[in-house]
Amino acid sequence: MKEKIEKALIKIRAGLQQDGGDIELAGVEDGVVKVRLKGACCGCPMSQMTLSNFVESELKKAVPEVKSVKAV
């Protein structure tokens, strides 16, 4: 599952990098994906919306076993 998530994050990362941000996988536990937002995403007031509306939805499409995504 972790390998599938890493693969999906490559596509997600490209979208975030266009706006000066980045994302890093911190871990996976019981279907909960933990990520670190970096660059412009770190501290951005829209980061929570990006996390749920973009990152989580794309990961769930690519890896149906994903239950949720949390920033750490």
PDB file of N, CA and C in Angstrom:
ATOM      1  N   MET A   1       0.827  -1.190   0.000  1.00  0.00           N
ATOM      2  CA  MET A   1       0.000   0.000   0.000  1.00  0.00           C
ATOM      3  C   MET A   1       0.878   1.263   0.000  1.00  0.00           C
ATOM      4  N   LYS A   2       1.954   1.234   0.765  1.00  0.00           N
ATOM      5  CA  LYS A   2       2.836   2.401   0.852  1.00  0.00           C
ATOM      6  C   LYS A   2       3.423   2.752  -0.518  1.00  0.00           C
ATOM      7  N   GLU A   3       3.768   1.727  -1.290  1.00  0.00           N
ATOM      8  CA  GLU A   3       4.333   1.963  -2.624  1.00  0.00           C
ATOM      9  C   GLU A   3       3.307   2.625  -3.541  1.00  0.00           C
ATOM     10  N   LYS A   4       2.055   2.199  -3.458  1.00  0.00           N
ATOM     11  CA  LYS A   4       0.984   2.806  -4.260  1.00  0.00           C
ATOM     12  C   LYS A   4       0.797   4.272  -3.874  1.00  0.00           C
ATOM     13  N   ILE A   5       0.865   4.542  -2.598  1.00  0.00           N
ATOM     14  CA  ILE A   5       0.702   5.908  -2.104  1.00  0.00           C
ATOM     15  C   ILE A   5       1.843   6.787  -2.602  1.00  0.00           C
ATOM     16  N   GLU A   6       3.068   6.282  -2.509  1.00  0.00           N
ATOM     17  CA  GLU A   6       4.229   7.032  -2.999  1.00  0.00           C
ATOM     18  C   GLU A   6       4.075   7.363  -4.486  1.00  0.00           C
ATOM     19  N   LYS A   7       3.593   6.393  -5.242  1.00  0.00           N
ATOM     20  CA  LYS A   7       3.396   6.589  -6.675  1.00  0.00           C
ATOM     21  C   LYS A   7       2.340   7.669  -6.936  1.00  0.00           C
ATOM     22  N   ALA A   8       1.263   7.640  -6.185  1.00  0.00           N
ATOM     23  CA  ALA A   8       0.200   8.640  -6.340  1.00  0.00           C
ATOM     24  C   ALA A   8       0.689  10.016  -5.908  1.00  0.00           C
ATOM     25  N   LEU A   9       1.541  10.067  -4.900  1.00  0.00           N
ATOM     26  CA  LEU A   9       2.054  11.349  -4.416  1.00  0.00           C
ATOM     27  C   LEU A   9       2.922  12.049  -5.456  1.00  0.00           C
ATOM     28  N   ILE A  10       3.515  11.299  -6.363  1.00  0.00           N
ATOM     29  CA  ILE A  10       4.321  11.917  -7.422  1.00  0.00           C
ATOM     30  C   ILE A  10       3.446  12.850  -8.262  1.00  0.00           C
ATOM     31  N   LYS A  11       2.254  12.390  -8.620  1.00  0.00           N
ATOM     32  CA  LYS A  11       1.330  13.217  -9.398  1.00  0.00           C
ATOM     33  C   LYS A  11       0.819  14.391  -8.567  1.00  0.00           C
ATOM     34  N   ILE A  12       0.492  14.138  -7.323  1.00  0.00           N
ATOM     35  CA  ILE A  12      -0.010  15.186  -6.428  1.00  0.00           C
ATOM     36  C   ILE A  12       1.071  16.234  -6.199  1.00  0.00           C
ATOM     37  N   ARG A  13       2.285  15.767  -5.996  1.00  0.00           N
ATOM     38  CA  ARG A  13       3.417  16.653  -5.742  1.00  0.00           C
ATOM     39  C   ARG A  13       3.600  17.660  -6.883  1.00  0.00           C
ATOM     40  N   ALA A  14       3.425  17.201  -8.109  1.00  0.00           N
ATOM     41  CA  ALA A  14       3.584  18.089  -9.268  1.00  0.00           C
ATOM     42  C   ALA A  14       2.613  19.269  -9.185  1.00  0.00           C
ATOM     43  N   GLY A  15       1.390  19.016  -8.785  1.00  0.00           N
ATOM     44  CA  GLY A  15       0.401  20.080  -8.650  1.00  0.00           C
ATOM     45  C   GLY A  15       0.753  21.060  -7.547  1.00  0.00           C
ATOM     46  N   LEU A  16       1.243  20.541  -6.440  1.00  0.00           N
ATOM     47  CA  LEU A  16       1.617  21.403  -5.318  1.00  0.00           C
ATOM     48  C   LEU A  16       2.867  22.228  -5.636  1.00  0.00           C
ATOM     49  N   GLN A  17       3.795  21.628  -6.368  1.00  0.00           N
ATOM     50  CA  GLN A  17       5.033  22.328  -6.686  1.00  0.00           C
ATOM     51  C   GLN A  17       4.798  23.504  -7.629  1.00  0.00           C
ATOM     52  N   GLN A  18       3.740  23.455  -8.403  1.00  0.00           N
ATOM     53  CA  GLN A  18       3.412  24.582  -9.280  1.00  0.00           C
ATOM     54  C   GLN A  18       3.131  25.841  -8.472  1.00  0.00           C
ATOM     55  N   ASP A  19       2.664  25.674  -7.249  1.00  0.00           N
ATOM     56  CA  ASP A  19       2.359  26.807  -6.379  1.00  0.00           C
ATOM     57  C   ASP A  19       3.431  27.018  -5.302  1.00  0.00           C
ATOM     58  N   GLY A  20       4.572  26.363  -5.462  1.00  0.00           N
ATOM     59  CA  GLY A  20       5.676  26.554  -4.523  1.00  0.00           C
ATOM     60  C   GLY A  20       5.631  25.655  -3.303  1.00  0.00           C
ATOM     61  N   GLY A  21       4.734  24.679  -3.300  1.00  0.00           N
ATOM     62  CA  GLY A  21       4.616  23.768  -2.163  1.00  0.00           C
ATOM     63  C   GLY A  21       5.188  22.405  -2.466  1.00  0.00           C
ATOM     64  N   ASP A  22       5.071  21.520  -1.507  1.00  0.00           N
ATOM     65  CA  ASP A  22       5.522  20.140  -1.680  1.00  0.00           C
ATOM     66  C   ASP A  22       4.862  19.294  -0.599  1.00  0.00           C
ATOM     67  N   ILE A  23       4.984  17.986  -0.744  1.00  0.00           N
ATOM     68  CA  ILE A  23       4.391  17.058   0.209  1.00  0.00           C
ATOM     69  C   ILE A  23       5.326  15.877   0.392  1.00  0.00           C
ATOM     70  N   GLU A  24       5.350  15.343   1.600  1.00  0.00           N
ATOM     71  CA  GLU A  24       6.217  14.217   1.930  1.00  0.00           C
ATOM     72  C   GLU A  24       5.412  13.210   2.747  1.00  0.00           C
ATOM     73  N   LEU A  25       5.548  11.945   2.415  1.00  0.00           N
ATOM     74  CA  LEU A  25       4.865  10.892   3.162  1.00  0.00           C
ATOM     75  C   LEU A  25       5.583  10.677   4.490  1.00  0.00           C
ATOM     76  N   ALA A  26       4.837  10.806   5.582  1.00  0.00           N
ATOM     77  CA  ALA A  26       5.411  10.604   6.914  1.00  0.00           C
ATOM     78  C   ALA A  26       5.117   9.204   7.435  1.00  0.00           C
ATOM     79  N   GLY A  27       4.047   8.586   6.950  1.00  0.00           N
ATOM     80  CA  GLY A  27       3.720   7.241   7.383  1.00  0.00           C
ATOM     81  C   GLY A  27       2.302   6.851   7.031  1.00  0.00           C
ATOM     82  N   VAL A  28       2.012   5.567   7.198  1.00  0.00           N
ATOM     83  CA  VAL A  28       0.677   5.029   6.938  1.00  0.00           C
ATOM     84  C   VAL A  28       0.339   4.101   8.091  1.00  0.00           C
ATOM     85  N   GLU A  29      -0.850   4.291   8.664  1.00  0.00           N
ATOM     86  CA  GLU A  29      -1.265   3.457   9.785  1.00  0.00           C
ATOM     87  C   GLU A  29      -2.765   3.195   9.693  1.00  0.00           C
ATOM     88  N   ASP A  30      -3.146   1.954   9.520  1.00  0.00           N
ATOM     89  CA  ASP A  30      -4.558   1.555   9.457  1.00  0.00           C
ATOM     90  C   ASP A  30      -5.357   2.364   8.444  1.00  0.00           C
ATOM     91  N   GLY A  31      -4.783   2.596   7.274  1.00  0.00           N
ATOM     92  CA  GLY A  31      -5.485   3.326   6.221  1.00  0.00           C
ATOM     93  C   GLY A  31      -5.431   4.835   6.350  1.00  0.00           C
ATOM     94  N   VAL A  32      -4.791   5.331   7.396  1.00  0.00           N
ATOM     95  CA  VAL A  32      -4.634   6.770   7.587  1.00  0.00           C
ATOM     96  C   VAL A  32      -3.241   7.165   7.087  1.00  0.00           C
ATOM     97  N   VAL A  33      -3.212   8.045   6.101  1.00  0.00           N
ATOM     98  CA  VAL A  33      -1.962   8.497   5.515  1.00  0.00           C
ATOM     99  C   VAL A  33      -1.542   9.787   6.218  1.00  0.00           C
ATOM    100  N   LYS A  34      -0.316   9.801   6.708  1.00  0.00           N
ATOM    101  CA  LYS A  34       0.214  10.983   7.387  1.00  0.00           C
ATOM    102  C   LYS A  34       1.241  11.632   6.466  1.00  0.00           C
ATOM    103  N   VAL A  35       1.037  12.914   6.218  1.00  0.00           N
ATOM    104  CA  VAL A  35       1.913  13.646   5.307  1.00  0.00           C
ATOM    105  C   VAL A  35       2.433  14.922   5.961  1.00  0.00           C
ATOM    106  N   ARG A  36       3.541  15.406   5.435  1.00  0.00           N
ATOM    107  CA  ARG A  36       4.091  16.696   5.839  1.00  0.00           C
ATOM    108  C   ARG A  36       3.976  17.628   4.647  1.00  0.00           C
ATOM    109  N   LEU A  37       3.322  18.761   4.851  1.00  0.00           N
ATOM    110  CA  LEU A  37       3.256  19.779   3.816  1.00  0.00           C
ATOM    111  C   LEU A  37       4.498  20.642   3.953  1.00  0.00           C
ATOM    112  N   LYS A  38       5.097  20.981   2.814  1.00  0.00           N
ATOM    113  CA  LYS A  38       6.347  21.722   2.834  1.00  0.00           C
ATOM    114  C   LYS A  38       6.263  22.924   1.901  1.00  0.00           C
ATOM    115  N   GLY A  39       7.251  23.778   1.977  1.00  0.00           N
ATOM    116  CA  GLY A  39       7.319  24.942   1.113  1.00  0.00           C
ATOM    117  C   GLY A  39       6.166  25.893   1.369  1.00  0.00           C
ATOM    118  N   ALA A  40       5.593  26.411   0.298  1.00  0.00           N
ATOM    119  CA  ALA A  40       4.504  27.385   0.415  1.00  0.00           C
ATOM    120  C   ALA A  40       3.269  26.784   1.086  1.00  0.00           C
ATOM    121  N   CYS A  41       3.117  25.468   1.062  1.00  0.00           N
ATOM    122  CA  CYS A  41       1.953  24.821   1.683  1.00  0.00           C
ATOM    123  C   CYS A  41       2.020  24.872   3.214  1.00  0.00           C
ATOM    124  N   CYS A  42       3.223  24.898   3.733  1.00  0.00           N
ATOM    125  CA  CYS A  42       3.410  24.913   5.178  1.00  0.00           C
ATOM    126  C   CYS A  42       2.969  26.268   5.725  1.00  0.00           C
ATOM    127  N   GLY A  43       1.928  26.264   6.514  1.00  0.00           N
ATOM    128  CA  GLY A  43       1.431  27.501   7.101  1.00  0.00           C
ATOM    129  C   GLY A  43       0.442  28.262   6.229  1.00  0.00           C
ATOM    130  N   CYS A  44       0.166  27.768   5.043  1.00  0.00           N
ATOM    131  CA  CYS A  44      -0.792  28.431   4.155  1.00  0.00           C
ATOM    132  C   CYS A  44      -2.201  28.274   4.729  1.00  0.00           C
ATOM    133  N   PRO A  45      -2.985  29.357   4.751  1.00  0.00           N
ATOM    134  CA  PRO A  45      -4.343  29.253   5.295  1.00  0.00           C
ATOM    135  C   PRO A  45      -5.248  28.309   4.487  1.00  0.00           C
ATOM    136  N   MET A  46      -4.890  28.028   3.249  1.00  0.00           N
ATOM    137  CA  MET A  46      -5.692  27.140   2.407  1.00  0.00           C
ATOM    138  C   MET A  46      -5.191  25.693   2.446  1.00  0.00           C
ATOM    139  N   SER A  47      -4.156  25.427   3.216  1.00  0.00           N
ATOM    140  CA  SER A  47      -3.548  24.095   3.200  1.00  0.00           C
ATOM    141  C   SER A  47      -4.504  22.996   3.645  1.00  0.00           C
ATOM    142  N   GLN A  48      -5.370  23.268   4.605  1.00  0.00           N
ATOM    143  CA  GLN A  48      -6.312  22.238   5.059  1.00  0.00           C
ATOM    144  C   GLN A  48      -7.306  21.889   3.959  1.00  0.00           C
ATOM    145  N   MET A  49      -7.737  22.885   3.207  1.00  0.00           N
ATOM    146  CA  MET A  49      -8.647  22.631   2.104  1.00  0.00           C
ATOM    147  C   MET A  49      -7.924  21.862   0.987  1.00  0.00           C
ATOM    148  N   THR A  50      -6.684  22.235   0.719  1.00  0.00           N
ATOM    149  CA  THR A  50      -5.884  21.515  -0.274  1.00  0.00           C
ATOM    150  C   THR A  50      -5.719  20.064   0.151  1.00  0.00           C
ATOM    151  N   LEU A  51      -5.471  19.859   1.424  1.00  0.00           N
ATOM    152  CA  LEU A  51      -5.267  18.513   1.942  1.00  0.00           C
ATOM    153  C   LEU A  51      -6.508  17.652   1.748  1.00  0.00           C
ATOM    154  N   SER A  52      -7.675  18.169   2.090  1.00  0.00           N
ATOM    155  CA  SER A  52      -8.891  17.357   1.990  1.00  0.00           C
ATOM    156  C   SER A  52      -9.464  17.318   0.573  1.00  0.00           C
ATOM    157  N   ASN A  53      -9.503  18.452  -0.108  1.00  0.00           N
ATOM    158  CA  ASN A  53     -10.138  18.499  -1.432  1.00  0.00           C
ATOM    159  C   ASN A  53      -9.255  17.982  -2.556  1.00  0.00           C
ATOM    160  N   PHE A  54      -7.956  18.084  -2.406  1.00  0.00           N
ATOM    161  CA  PHE A  54      -7.064  17.657  -3.484  1.00  0.00           C
ATOM    162  C   PHE A  54      -6.287  16.402  -3.107  1.00  0.00           C
ATOM    163  N   VAL A  55      -5.484  16.484  -2.075  1.00  0.00           N
ATOM    164  CA  VAL A  55      -4.601  15.375  -1.724  1.00  0.00           C
ATOM    165  C   VAL A  55      -5.396  14.130  -1.340  1.00  0.00           C
ATOM    166  N   GLU A  56      -6.325  14.269  -0.413  1.00  0.00           N
ATOM    167  CA  GLU A  56      -7.087  13.106   0.053  1.00  0.00           C
ATOM    168  C   GLU A  56      -7.930  12.495  -1.067  1.00  0.00           C
ATOM    169  N   SER A  57      -8.582  13.324  -1.847  1.00  0.00           N
ATOM    170  CA  SER A  57      -9.435  12.777  -2.912  1.00  0.00           C
ATOM    171  C   SER A  57      -8.605  12.057  -3.974  1.00  0.00           C
ATOM    172  N   GLU A  58      -7.447  12.616  -4.322  1.00  0.00           N
ATOM    173  CA  GLU A  58      -6.588  11.958  -5.314  1.00  0.00           C
ATOM    174  C   GLU A  58      -6.005  10.656  -4.779  1.00  0.00           C
ATOM    175  N   LEU A  59      -5.608  10.643  -3.516  1.00  0.00           N
ATOM    176  CA  LEU A  59      -5.077   9.407  -2.936  1.00  0.00           C
ATOM    177  C   LEU A  59      -6.145   8.320  -2.860  1.00  0.00           C
ATOM    178  N   LYS A  60      -7.362   8.704  -2.495  1.00  0.00           N
ATOM    179  CA  LYS A  60      -8.443   7.713  -2.404  1.00  0.00           C
ATOM    180  C   LYS A  60      -8.781   7.134  -3.778  1.00  0.00           C
ATOM    181  N   LYS A  61      -8.676   7.940  -4.823  1.00  0.00           N
ATOM    182  CA  LYS A  61      -8.905   7.432  -6.180  1.00  0.00           C
ATOM    183  C   LYS A  61      -7.827   6.425  -6.566  1.00  0.00           C
ATOM    184  N   ALA A  62      -6.586   6.757  -6.253  1.00  0.00           N
ATOM    185  CA  ALA A  62      -5.459   5.915  -6.641  1.00  0.00           C
ATOM    186  C   ALA A  62      -5.300   4.691  -5.753  1.00  0.00           C
ATOM    187  N   VAL A  63      -5.630   4.841  -4.470  1.00  0.00           N
ATOM    188  CA  VAL A  63      -5.448   3.754  -3.495  1.00  0.00           C
ATOM    189  C   VAL A  63      -6.721   3.675  -2.654  1.00  0.00           C
ATOM    190  N   PRO A  64      -7.685   2.854  -3.074  1.00  0.00           N
ATOM    191  CA  PRO A  64      -8.975   2.785  -2.377  1.00  0.00           C
ATOM    192  C   PRO A  64      -8.892   2.411  -0.898  1.00  0.00           C
ATOM    193  N   GLU A  65      -7.787   1.805  -0.471  1.00  0.00           N
ATOM    194  CA  GLU A  65      -7.633   1.417   0.935  1.00  0.00           C
ATOM    195  C   GLU A  65      -7.416   2.623   1.858  1.00  0.00           C
ATOM    196  N   VAL A  66      -7.110   3.784   1.281  1.00  0.00           N
ATOM    197  CA  VAL A  66      -6.876   4.993   2.079  1.00  0.00           C
ATOM    198  C   VAL A  66      -8.195   5.448   2.691  1.00  0.00           C
ATOM    199  N   LYS A  67      -8.200   5.621   4.003  1.00  0.00           N
ATOM    200  CA  LYS A  67      -9.403   6.077   4.716  1.00  0.00           C
ATOM    201  C   LYS A  67      -9.388   7.592   4.887  1.00  0.00           C
ATOM    202  N   SER A  68      -8.235   8.146   5.218  1.00  0.00           N
ATOM    203  CA  SER A  68      -8.118   9.592   5.414  1.00  0.00           C
ATOM    204  C   SER A  68      -6.665  10.022   5.293  1.00  0.00           C
ATOM    205  N   VAL A  69      -6.469  11.335   5.204  1.00  0.00           N
ATOM    206  CA  VAL A  69      -5.133  11.908   5.120  1.00  0.00           C
ATOM    207  C   VAL A  69      -5.030  12.985   6.189  1.00  0.00           C
ATOM    208  N   LYS A  70      -3.930  12.943   6.934  1.00  0.00           N
ATOM    209  CA  LYS A  70      -3.706  13.924   7.998  1.00  0.00           C
ATOM    210  C   LYS A  70      -2.335  14.559   7.843  1.00  0.00           C
ATOM    211  N   ALA A  71      -2.264  15.841   8.117  1.00  0.00           N
ATOM    212  CA  ALA A  71      -0.968  16.536   8.117  1.00  0.00           C
ATOM    213  C   ALA A  71      -0.340  16.383   9.501  1.00  0.00           C
ATOM    214  N   VAL A  72       0.954  16.131   9.507  1.00  0.00           N
ATOM    215  CA  VAL A  72       1.680  16.030  10.780  1.00  0.00           C
ATOM    216  C   VAL A  72       2.787  17.064  10.825  1.00  0.00           C
TER     217      VAL A  72
END
